């Protein structure tokens, strides 16, 4: 029995009780969204034996605005062609339906995609790189000890309705915000929000009015906002607010659609989704199991943008899962897990920290943000540079003294309000 395989991986076979040999994958990835597909791609291009598991049949719908900003574009596999439905050059801002103003840019700000097409394209890249895909399977749990686990270097992925578990040297959990793998790791969440969305078909005359333009409405509930993202003959209209305000969030969506003059058009799909942000000290691994994307609670707390976080954390998880699969003992496994956590926190964690501060300011003073973006050109220029990927939130705070001082002052003001 060899511990190496033809692709250069560390997987192989282990003997079962009946004497037959069972396949051990180098990396098993649970969940085929952007995070999971990115992890599978990263591990597969490294020449490892990779299995990608997905409970749904692909392509499948996902509640998501579908905005692809610069960091998302830059994290895509080489040669990936974005299935853009719209190129955005203008943003209309409103403050709960009032004080509406449109800002425009000569250059594209960001692109809009439909998630089924986008996600399928990422999965195709992973498969082309050598990953094997299995759909229609539900992972009930992972086990790192016990009779299902043949040795200390193996993780058992238990599938509902199947007697034999899938065996792996490393597992990446990318199974969404209600992740079973995340529960195994012990991920804890800090901020939970409810997003509601409607896909509204519109006639050509209405679609033409929205071509190349989105709307962002700063909402009536603390920390809430709404959006209109055009995708050809369909408008994706949604709102997001803190969980626990379900009725008020639904009412906000209904009023938002009415103000837009879209109440007369029947949505062909309405959906809801919870977004979850991790606590800062929440774990990202346990033994030979890593989590990424929504399963790890990795998304930007203010805008709740998750695609770029999924792509980037998925790639990191795939790269470190390869190292973890090669680890020969618990000490080396732990070292690689800590390296993964450091890589995530040094990049995405810093962005999340800035996002939390911005969310706190926005939840208290949405009008201030609206006034800055619509009436202060430098603020709009920074927004445009961020969406294009020319800068990041940490870089903005680090390189713009005015922005840093303003954020510090607003932080102190918010702290005083809470203690007062």
Protein backbone atom coordinates (compact mmCIF):
# COMPACT_ATOMS: atom_id res chain seq x y z
CA UNK A 1 0.00 0.00 0.00
CA UNK A 2 1.49 3.33 -1.06
CA UNK A 3 0.88 6.69 0.63
CA UNK A 4 1.54 8.51 -2.62
CA UNK A 5 -0.55 8.66 -5.79
CA UNK A 6 0.08 9.28 -9.44
CA UNK A 7 -0.82 12.95 -9.14
CA UNK A 8 1.83 13.50 -6.51
CA UNK A 9 -0.65 13.66 -3.64
CA UNK A 10 -0.42 12.19 -0.15
CA UNK A 11 -3.69 10.28 -0.32
CA UNK A 12 -3.94 6.60 -1.10
CA UNK A 13 -5.76 3.63 0.37
CA UNK A 14 -6.26 2.23 3.85
CA UNK A 15 -7.43 -1.29 4.68
CA UNK A 16 -11.04 -1.79 5.75
CA UNK A 17 -12.22 -4.41 8.24
CA UNK A 18 -13.18 -6.73 5.40
CA UNK A 19 -9.69 -6.53 3.95
CA UNK A 20 -10.65 -4.29 1.03
CA UNK A 21 -8.77 -1.02 0.54
CA UNK A 22 -10.59 2.29 0.89
CA UNK A 23 -9.66 5.48 -0.92
CA UNK A 24 -8.25 8.32 1.14
CA UNK A 25 -8.49 11.71 -0.56
CA UNK A 26 -5.85 14.32 0.06
CA UNK A 27 -8.48 17.06 0.45
CA UNK A 28 -12.26 16.82 0.71
CA UNK A 29 -14.12 20.12 0.30
CA UNK A 30 -17.70 20.38 1.59
CA UNK A 31 -19.78 22.92 -0.33
CA UNK A 32 -19.42 24.03 -3.95
CA UNK A 33 -20.07 27.75 -3.65
CA UNK A 34 -17.34 30.30 -4.43
CA UNK A 35 -15.38 29.42 -1.27
CA UNK A 36 -15.54 25.67 -1.79
CA UNK A 37 -14.84 25.81 -5.51
CA UNK A 38 -11.86 28.10 -4.87
CA UNK A 39 -10.51 25.74 -2.21
CA UNK A 40 -10.94 22.71 -4.49
CA UNK A 41 -9.25 24.55 -7.36
CA UNK A 42 -6.28 25.61 -5.21
CA UNK A 43 -5.74 22.08 -3.91
CA UNK A 44 -6.23 20.48 -7.32
CA UNK A 45 -3.76 22.73 -9.15
CA UNK A 46 -1.23 21.69 -6.51
CA UNK A 47 -1.59 18.16 -7.87
CA UNK A 48 -3.56 16.69 -5.00
CA UNK A 49 -6.49 14.26 -5.05
CA UNK A 50 -9.49 16.45 -4.32
CA UNK A 51 -13.15 15.59 -3.81
CA UNK A 52 -15.73 18.41 -3.90
CA UNK A 53 -19.08 17.57 -2.24
CA UNK A 54 -22.29 19.56 -2.79
CA UNK A 55 -25.75 18.75 -1.41
CA UNK A 56 -27.65 20.50 -4.23
CA UNK A 57 -27.68 19.75 -7.93
CA UNK A 58 -25.82 22.39 -9.91
CA UNK A 59 -26.44 25.04 -11.03
CA UNK A 60 -28.50 26.26 -8.07
CA UNK A 61 -29.89 29.62 -6.98
CA UNK A 62 -28.34 31.60 -4.13
CA UNK A 63 -29.78 34.71 -2.49
CA UNK A 64 -27.14 37.28 -3.41
CA UNK A 65 -27.01 40.64 -5.15
CA UNK A 66 -24.26 39.35 -7.40
CA UNK A 67 -21.92 42.33 -7.31
CA UNK A 68 -18.35 41.56 -8.37
CA UNK A 69 -16.01 44.23 -7.02
CA UNK A 70 -12.28 44.48 -7.68
CA UNK A 71 -11.10 42.13 -4.89
CA UNK A 72 -13.47 39.43 -6.21
CA UNK A 73 -12.23 39.84 -9.77
CA UNK A 74 -8.61 39.69 -8.67
CA UNK A 75 -9.15 36.44 -6.73
CA UNK A 76 -10.60 34.47 -9.67
CA UNK A 77 -8.71 31.56 -11.26
CA UNK A 78 -6.44 32.59 -14.13
CA UNK A 79 -8.35 32.92 -17.38
CA UNK A 80 -11.78 32.83 -15.71
CA UNK A 81 -14.31 34.73 -17.82
CA UNK A 82 -16.87 36.54 -15.71
CA UNK A 83 -20.43 35.92 -16.95
CA UNK A 84 -21.32 39.59 -16.53
CA UNK A 85 -24.96 40.56 -16.95
CA UNK A 86 -24.27 44.26 -16.43
CA UNK A 87 -21.33 46.66 -16.18
CA UNK A 88 -22.00 49.37 -13.62
CA UNK A 89 -20.92 52.95 -14.33
CA UNK A 90 -23.37 54.84 -12.09
CA UNK A 91 -24.77 54.60 -8.58
CA UNK A 92 -27.95 56.25 -7.37
CA UNK A 93 -27.85 56.86 -3.62
CA UNK A 94 -30.94 57.55 -1.51
CA UNK A 95 -31.64 57.94 2.19
CA UNK A 96 -34.75 55.89 2.91
CA UNK A 97 -36.19 57.04 -0.42
CA UNK A 98 -35.20 60.70 0.04
CA UNK A 99 -32.35 62.96 -1.08
CA UNK A 100 -31.74 60.90 -4.20
CA UNK A 101 -28.61 61.63 -6.19
CA UNK A 102 -26.75 59.74 -8.92
CA UNK A 103 -22.98 59.61 -9.22
CA UNK A 104 -21.35 58.51 -12.48
CA UNK A 105 -17.96 57.22 -13.56
CA UNK A 106 -16.27 56.97 -16.96
CA UNK A 107 -14.72 53.68 -15.90
CA UNK A 108 -16.62 50.59 -14.84
CA UNK A 109 -17.16 50.51 -11.08
CA UNK A 110 -18.04 46.82 -10.75
CA UNK A 111 -19.89 44.05 -12.56
CA UNK A 112 -23.09 42.11 -11.89
CA UNK A 113 -23.53 38.37 -12.27
CA UNK A 114 -26.16 35.71 -11.67
CA UNK A 115 -24.89 33.36 -9.03
CA UNK A 116 -25.92 30.08 -10.70
CA UNK A 117 -23.75 30.88 -13.74
CA UNK A 118 -20.89 32.28 -11.69
CA UNK A 119 -20.77 29.41 -9.22
CA UNK A 120 -21.00 26.81 -11.99
CA UNK A 121 -18.06 28.45 -13.75
CA UNK A 122 -15.93 28.23 -10.61
CA UNK A 123 -16.84 24.57 -10.12
CA UNK A 124 -15.93 23.88 -13.75
CA UNK A 125 -12.50 25.43 -13.12
CA UNK A 126 -11.96 23.16 -10.12
CA UNK A 127 -12.99 20.08 -12.10
CA UNK A 128 -10.77 21.05 -15.02
CA UNK A 129 -7.88 21.39 -12.55
CA UNK A 130 -8.45 17.79 -11.46
CA UNK A 131 -10.99 17.89 -8.63
CA UNK A 132 -13.78 15.30 -8.61
CA UNK A 133 -17.32 16.60 -8.05
CA UNK A 134 -20.15 14.78 -6.31
CA UNK A 135 -23.54 16.52 -6.06
CA UNK A 136 -26.73 15.50 -4.28
CA UNK A 137 -24.87 14.35 -1.16
CA UNK A 138 -25.40 15.72 2.34
CA UNK A 139 -22.61 15.73 4.90
CA UNK A 140 -24.04 14.96 8.33
CA UNK A 141 -20.80 15.33 10.30
CA UNK A 142 -17.05 14.87 10.32
CA UNK A 143 -15.20 12.58 12.72
CA UNK A 144 -11.54 12.83 13.65
CA UNK A 145 -11.57 10.07 16.27
CA UNK A 146 -13.39 6.79 16.72
CA UNK A 147 -14.03 3.55 14.83
CA UNK A 148 -14.73 5.26 11.48
CA UNK A 149 -11.25 6.84 11.45
CA UNK A 150 -8.49 4.39 10.46
CA UNK A 151 -5.54 6.48 11.72
CA UNK A 152 -4.58 9.82 13.22
CA UNK A 153 -3.83 11.34 9.82
CA UNK A 154 -7.35 10.75 8.51
CA UNK A 155 -10.70 12.51 8.82
CA UNK A 156 -13.97 10.68 8.19
CA UNK A 157 -16.67 12.67 6.37
CA UNK A 158 -19.98 10.99 7.15
CA UNK A 159 -22.65 11.26 4.44
CA UNK A 160 -26.39 10.96 5.13
CA UNK A 161 -27.81 7.69 3.85
CA UNK A 162 -24.41 6.13 3.11
CA UNK A 163 -22.78 3.46 5.24
CA UNK A 164 -19.16 4.15 4.35
CA UNK A 165 -17.72 7.59 5.17
CA UNK A 166 -15.44 9.48 2.82
CA UNK A 167 -11.86 9.55 4.12
CA UNK A 168 -9.47 12.48 3.75
CA UNK A 169 -6.12 13.76 4.97
CA UNK A 170 -7.66 17.24 5.28
CA UNK A 171 -11.19 18.65 5.09
CA UNK A 172 -12.29 22.16 4.08
CA UNK A 173 -15.71 23.26 5.30
CA UNK A 174 -17.36 25.68 2.87
CA UNK A 175 -20.95 24.64 3.49
CA UNK A 176 -22.55 28.03 4.03
CA UNK A 177 -23.61 30.19 6.95
CA UNK A 178 -25.45 27.31 8.68
CA UNK A 179 -22.36 25.14 8.36
CA UNK A 180 -22.16 21.72 10.01
CA UNK A 181 -18.42 21.80 9.52
CA UNK A 182 -18.31 25.20 11.17
CA UNK A 183 -20.20 23.76 14.14
CA UNK A 184 -17.60 20.97 14.37
CA UNK A 185 -14.78 23.53 14.37
CA UNK A 186 -16.59 25.69 16.94
CA UNK A 187 -17.14 28.82 14.86
CA UNK A 188 -19.06 31.49 16.78
CA UNK A 189 -20.87 34.42 15.21
CA UNK A 190 -21.01 38.04 16.27
CA UNK A 191 -23.34 39.76 13.80
CA UNK A 192 -26.32 38.04 12.15
CA UNK A 193 -28.40 39.80 9.51
CA UNK A 194 -31.44 38.92 7.41
CA UNK A 195 -31.35 39.59 3.67
CA UNK A 196 -34.54 39.52 1.59
CA UNK A 197 -34.45 39.60 -2.18
CA UNK A 198 -36.79 39.55 -5.18
CA UNK A 199 -35.91 38.82 -8.81
CA UNK A 200 -38.28 41.05 -10.78
CA UNK A 201 -38.68 40.69 -14.57
CA UNK A 202 -39.27 44.08 -16.21
CA UNK A 203 -40.15 45.23 -19.76
CA UNK A 204 -37.43 46.64 -22.04
CA UNK A 205 -38.42 50.25 -21.33
CA UNK A 206 -37.79 49.79 -17.60
CA UNK A 207 -34.65 47.72 -18.11
CA UNK A 208 -33.23 50.45 -20.34
CA UNK A 209 -33.65 53.02 -17.57
CA UNK A 210 -31.51 50.87 -15.25
CA UNK A 211 -28.84 49.87 -17.76
CA UNK A 212 -25.40 50.42 -16.25
CA UNK A 213 -26.81 51.89 -13.03
CA UNK A 214 -27.52 50.49 -9.57
CA UNK A 215 -29.29 52.03 -6.62
CA UNK A 216 -28.26 51.86 -2.98
CA UNK A 217 -30.76 53.07 -0.38
CA UNK A 218 -29.67 53.63 3.22
CA UNK A 219 -32.62 52.16 5.09
CA UNK A 220 -34.84 53.10 8.04
CA UNK A 221 -33.58 50.37 10.39
CA UNK A 222 -30.18 50.69 12.10
CA UNK A 223 -27.53 49.23 9.80
CA UNK A 224 -30.01 48.48 7.01
CA UNK A 225 -29.80 49.23 3.33
CA UNK A 226 -31.45 48.24 0.06
CA UNK A 227 -30.20 47.69 -3.46
CA UNK A 228 -31.32 47.46 -7.07
CA UNK A 229 -28.98 45.49 -9.33
CA UNK A 230 -30.03 45.27 -13.00
CA UNK A 231 -29.25 42.10 -14.95
CA UNK A 232 -30.67 42.47 -18.42
CA UNK A 233 -34.44 42.08 -18.30
CA UNK A 234 -34.46 41.35 -14.55
CA UNK A 235 -33.90 43.61 -11.56
CA UNK A 236 -32.49 42.06 -8.40
CA UNK A 237 -34.04 44.09 -5.58
CA UNK A 238 -33.16 43.39 -1.96
CA UNK A 239 -32.74 44.73 1.54
CA UNK A 240 -30.74 43.65 4.58
CA UNK A 241 -31.06 44.39 8.28
CA UNK A 242 -30.33 42.85 11.66
CA UNK A 243 -31.93 39.51 12.43
CA UNK A 244 -34.84 39.88 14.83
CA UNK A 245 -36.41 42.62 12.72
CA UNK A 246 -38.03 40.22 10.25
CA UNK A 247 -41.39 41.99 9.93
CA UNK A 248 -39.78 45.42 9.68
CA UNK A 249 -37.27 44.15 7.11
CA UNK A 250 -40.06 42.67 5.00
CA UNK A 251 -41.98 45.96 5.24
CA UNK A 252 -38.86 47.86 4.18
CA UNK A 253 -38.53 45.68 1.07
CA UNK A 254 -42.20 46.19 0.16
CA UNK A 255 -41.95 49.96 0.59
CA UNK A 256 -38.66 50.09 -1.31
CA UNK A 257 -40.17 48.22 -4.27
CA UNK A 258 -43.22 50.49 -4.19
CA UNK A 259 -41.13 53.68 -4.19
CA UNK A 260 -39.22 52.36 -7.18
CA UNK A 261 -42.49 51.97 -9.10
CA UNK A 262 -42.01 48.21 -9.40
CA UNK A 263 -45.00 46.98 -7.39
CA UNK A 264 -46.89 46.14 -10.58
CA UNK A 265 -44.31 43.58 -11.69
CA UNK A 266 -44.54 40.06 -10.26
CA UNK A 267 -41.24 38.63 -8.98
CA UNK A 268 -40.38 35.29 -10.49
CA UNK A 269 -38.42 34.45 -7.35
CA UNK A 270 -38.38 35.73 -3.77
CA UNK A 271 -35.92 34.48 -1.19
CA UNK A 272 -34.28 35.15 2.14
CA UNK A 273 -30.90 34.40 3.65
CA UNK A 274 -29.07 34.93 6.93
CA UNK A 275 -25.56 36.38 6.80
CA UNK A 276 -23.25 35.78 9.74
CA UNK A 277 -20.00 37.50 10.75
CA UNK A 278 -17.59 35.62 12.99
CA UNK A 279 -16.40 36.82 16.35
CA UNK A 280 -12.82 38.03 16.17
CA UNK A 281 -11.48 35.17 18.29
CA UNK A 282 -13.54 32.45 16.61
CA UNK A 283 -11.53 29.39 15.52
CA UNK A 284 -10.83 28.64 11.87
CA UNK A 285 -9.72 25.04 12.30
CA UNK A 286 -9.92 21.95 14.45
CA UNK A 287 -7.47 19.15 13.90
CA UNK A 288 -7.30 18.47 10.17
CA UNK A 289 -10.46 20.46 9.40
CA UNK A 290 -10.44 24.07 8.12
CA UNK A 291 -13.37 26.41 7.44
CA UNK A 292 -13.64 29.30 4.98
CA UNK A 293 -16.18 31.66 3.45
CA UNK A 294 -19.63 31.81 5.05
CA UNK A 295 -18.89 28.64 7.03
CA UNK A 296 -16.19 30.60 8.86
CA UNK A 297 -18.33 33.75 9.15
CA UNK A 298 -15.99 35.62 6.83
CA UNK A 299 -17.66 38.60 5.18
CA UNK A 300 -17.46 42.37 5.39
CA UNK A 301 -19.67 43.47 8.33
CA UNK A 302 -20.80 46.82 6.96
CA UNK A 303 -21.80 46.00 3.37
CA UNK A 304 -22.13 42.24 4.09
CA UNK A 305 -20.13 41.65 0.91
CA UNK A 306 -19.18 38.01 0.91
CA UNK A 307 -18.10 36.93 -2.57
CA UNK A 308 -14.58 38.37 -2.38
CA UNK A 309 -14.17 36.97 1.15
CA UNK A 310 -15.33 33.55 -0.07
CA UNK A 311 -12.95 33.53 -3.04
CA UNK A 312 -9.93 34.70 -1.07
CA UNK A 313 -10.47 32.59 2.04
CA UNK A 314 -11.31 29.57 -0.13
CA UNK A 315 -8.02 29.87 -1.99
CA UNK A 316 -6.12 30.15 1.29
CA UNK A 317 -7.97 27.17 2.75
CA UNK A 318 -7.17 25.05 -0.30
CA UNK A 319 -3.50 25.95 -0.14
CA UNK A 320 -3.21 25.23 3.57
CA UNK A 321 -5.30 22.07 3.33
CA UNK A 322 -2.60 20.74 0.99
CA UNK A 323 0.03 21.46 3.64
CA UNK A 324 -2.16 19.93 6.31
CA UNK A 325 -2.67 16.79 4.22
CA UNK A 326 1.11 16.40 4.10
CA UNK A 327 1.51 16.80 7.87
CA UNK A 328 2.81 13.64 9.52
CA UNK A 329 1.84 14.35 13.11
CA UNK A 330 -0.37 16.52 15.31
CA UNK A 331 2.35 19.11 15.91
CA UNK A 332 2.84 19.78 12.18
CA UNK A 333 -0.92 19.76 11.64
CA UNK A 334 -1.36 22.39 14.33
CA UNK A 335 1.43 24.51 12.88
CA UNK A 336 -0.23 24.59 9.47
CA UNK A 337 -3.61 25.38 11.03
CA UNK A 338 -2.08 28.34 12.87
CA UNK A 339 -0.44 29.53 9.65
CA UNK A 340 -3.81 29.42 7.90
CA UNK A 341 -5.45 31.39 10.70
CA UNK A 342 -2.66 33.98 10.59
CA UNK A 343 -3.01 34.38 6.80
CA UNK A 344 -6.78 34.91 7.11
CA UNK A 345 -6.58 37.32 10.03
CA UNK A 346 -3.70 39.33 8.57
CA UNK A 347 -5.71 40.09 5.44
CA UNK A 348 -9.43 39.47 5.68
CA UNK A 349 -9.47 39.91 9.45
CA UNK A 350 -8.06 43.43 9.19
CA UNK A 351 -10.69 44.31 6.58
CA UNK A 352 -13.42 42.94 8.83
CA UNK A 353 -12.14 45.04 11.72
CA UNK A 354 -12.45 48.22 9.64
CA UNK A 355 -15.85 47.05 8.43
CA UNK A 356 -17.09 46.62 12.00
CA UNK A 357 -16.11 50.18 12.80
CA UNK A 358 -17.80 51.49 9.66
CA UNK A 359 -20.93 49.48 10.46
CA UNK A 360 -21.07 51.06 13.90
CA UNK A 361 -20.86 54.55 12.41
CA UNK A 362 -23.36 53.74 9.64
CA UNK A 363 -25.90 52.21 12.04
CA UNK A 364 -25.92 55.42 14.10
CA UNK A 365 -25.51 58.04 11.38
CA UNK A 366 -26.51 56.84 7.90
CA UNK A 367 -27.22 60.42 6.84
CA UNK A 368 -23.57 61.33 7.39
CA UNK A 369 -22.43 58.62 4.98
CA UNK A 370 -25.06 59.63 2.46
CA UNK A 371 -24.00 63.29 2.60
CA UNK A 372 -20.35 62.34 2.13
CA UNK A 373 -20.93 60.11 -0.92
CA UNK A 374 -23.37 62.46 -2.63
CA UNK A 375 -21.88 65.83 -1.70
CA UNK A 376 -18.15 65.32 -1.17
CA UNK A 377 -16.29 64.28 -4.30
CA UNK A 378 -13.21 62.84 -2.54
CA UNK A 379 -15.52 60.42 -0.69
CA UNK A 380 -17.08 59.33 -3.98
CA UNK A 381 -13.63 58.93 -5.54
CA UNK A 382 -12.57 56.65 -2.68
CA UNK A 383 -15.78 54.62 -3.09
CA UNK A 384 -15.10 54.25 -6.81
CA UNK A 385 -11.47 53.22 -6.24
CA UNK A 386 -12.57 50.65 -3.68
CA UNK A 387 -15.19 49.03 -5.92
CA UNK A 388 -12.66 48.83 -8.77
CA UNK A 389 -10.11 47.17 -6.50
CA UNK A 390 -7.63 50.04 -6.67
CA UNK A 391 -7.64 50.37 -2.88
CA UNK A 392 -8.92 48.58 0.22
CA UNK A 393 -10.59 49.64 3.45
CA UNK A 394 -7.39 49.27 5.54
CA UNK A 395 -5.42 51.21 2.93
CA UNK A 396 -8.03 53.99 2.92
CA UNK A 397 -7.81 54.37 6.69
CA UNK A 398 -4.02 54.07 6.65
CA UNK A 399 -3.31 56.48 3.79
CA UNK A 400 -6.04 59.11 4.29
CA UNK A 401 -5.45 61.01 7.56
CA UNK A 402 -8.81 62.79 7.28
CA UNK A 403 -10.66 59.47 6.99
CA UNK A 404 -8.69 57.99 9.89
CA UNK A 405 -9.33 60.97 12.16
CA UNK A 406 -13.01 61.07 11.25
CA UNK A 407 -13.44 57.35 11.95
CA UNK A 408 -11.60 57.67 15.28
CA UNK A 409 -13.77 60.62 16.27
CA UNK A 410 -16.97 58.82 15.33
CA UNK A 411 -15.81 55.73 17.22
CA UNK A 412 -15.34 57.83 20.35
CA UNK A 413 -18.70 59.46 19.82
CA UNK A 414 -20.38 56.08 19.51
CA UNK A 415 -18.65 54.81 22.66
CA UNK A 416 -19.80 57.92 24.54
CA UNK A 417 -23.37 57.41 23.33
CA UNK A 418 -23.35 53.79 24.52
CA UNK A 419 -21.96 54.62 27.96
CA UNK A 420 -24.20 57.66 28.33
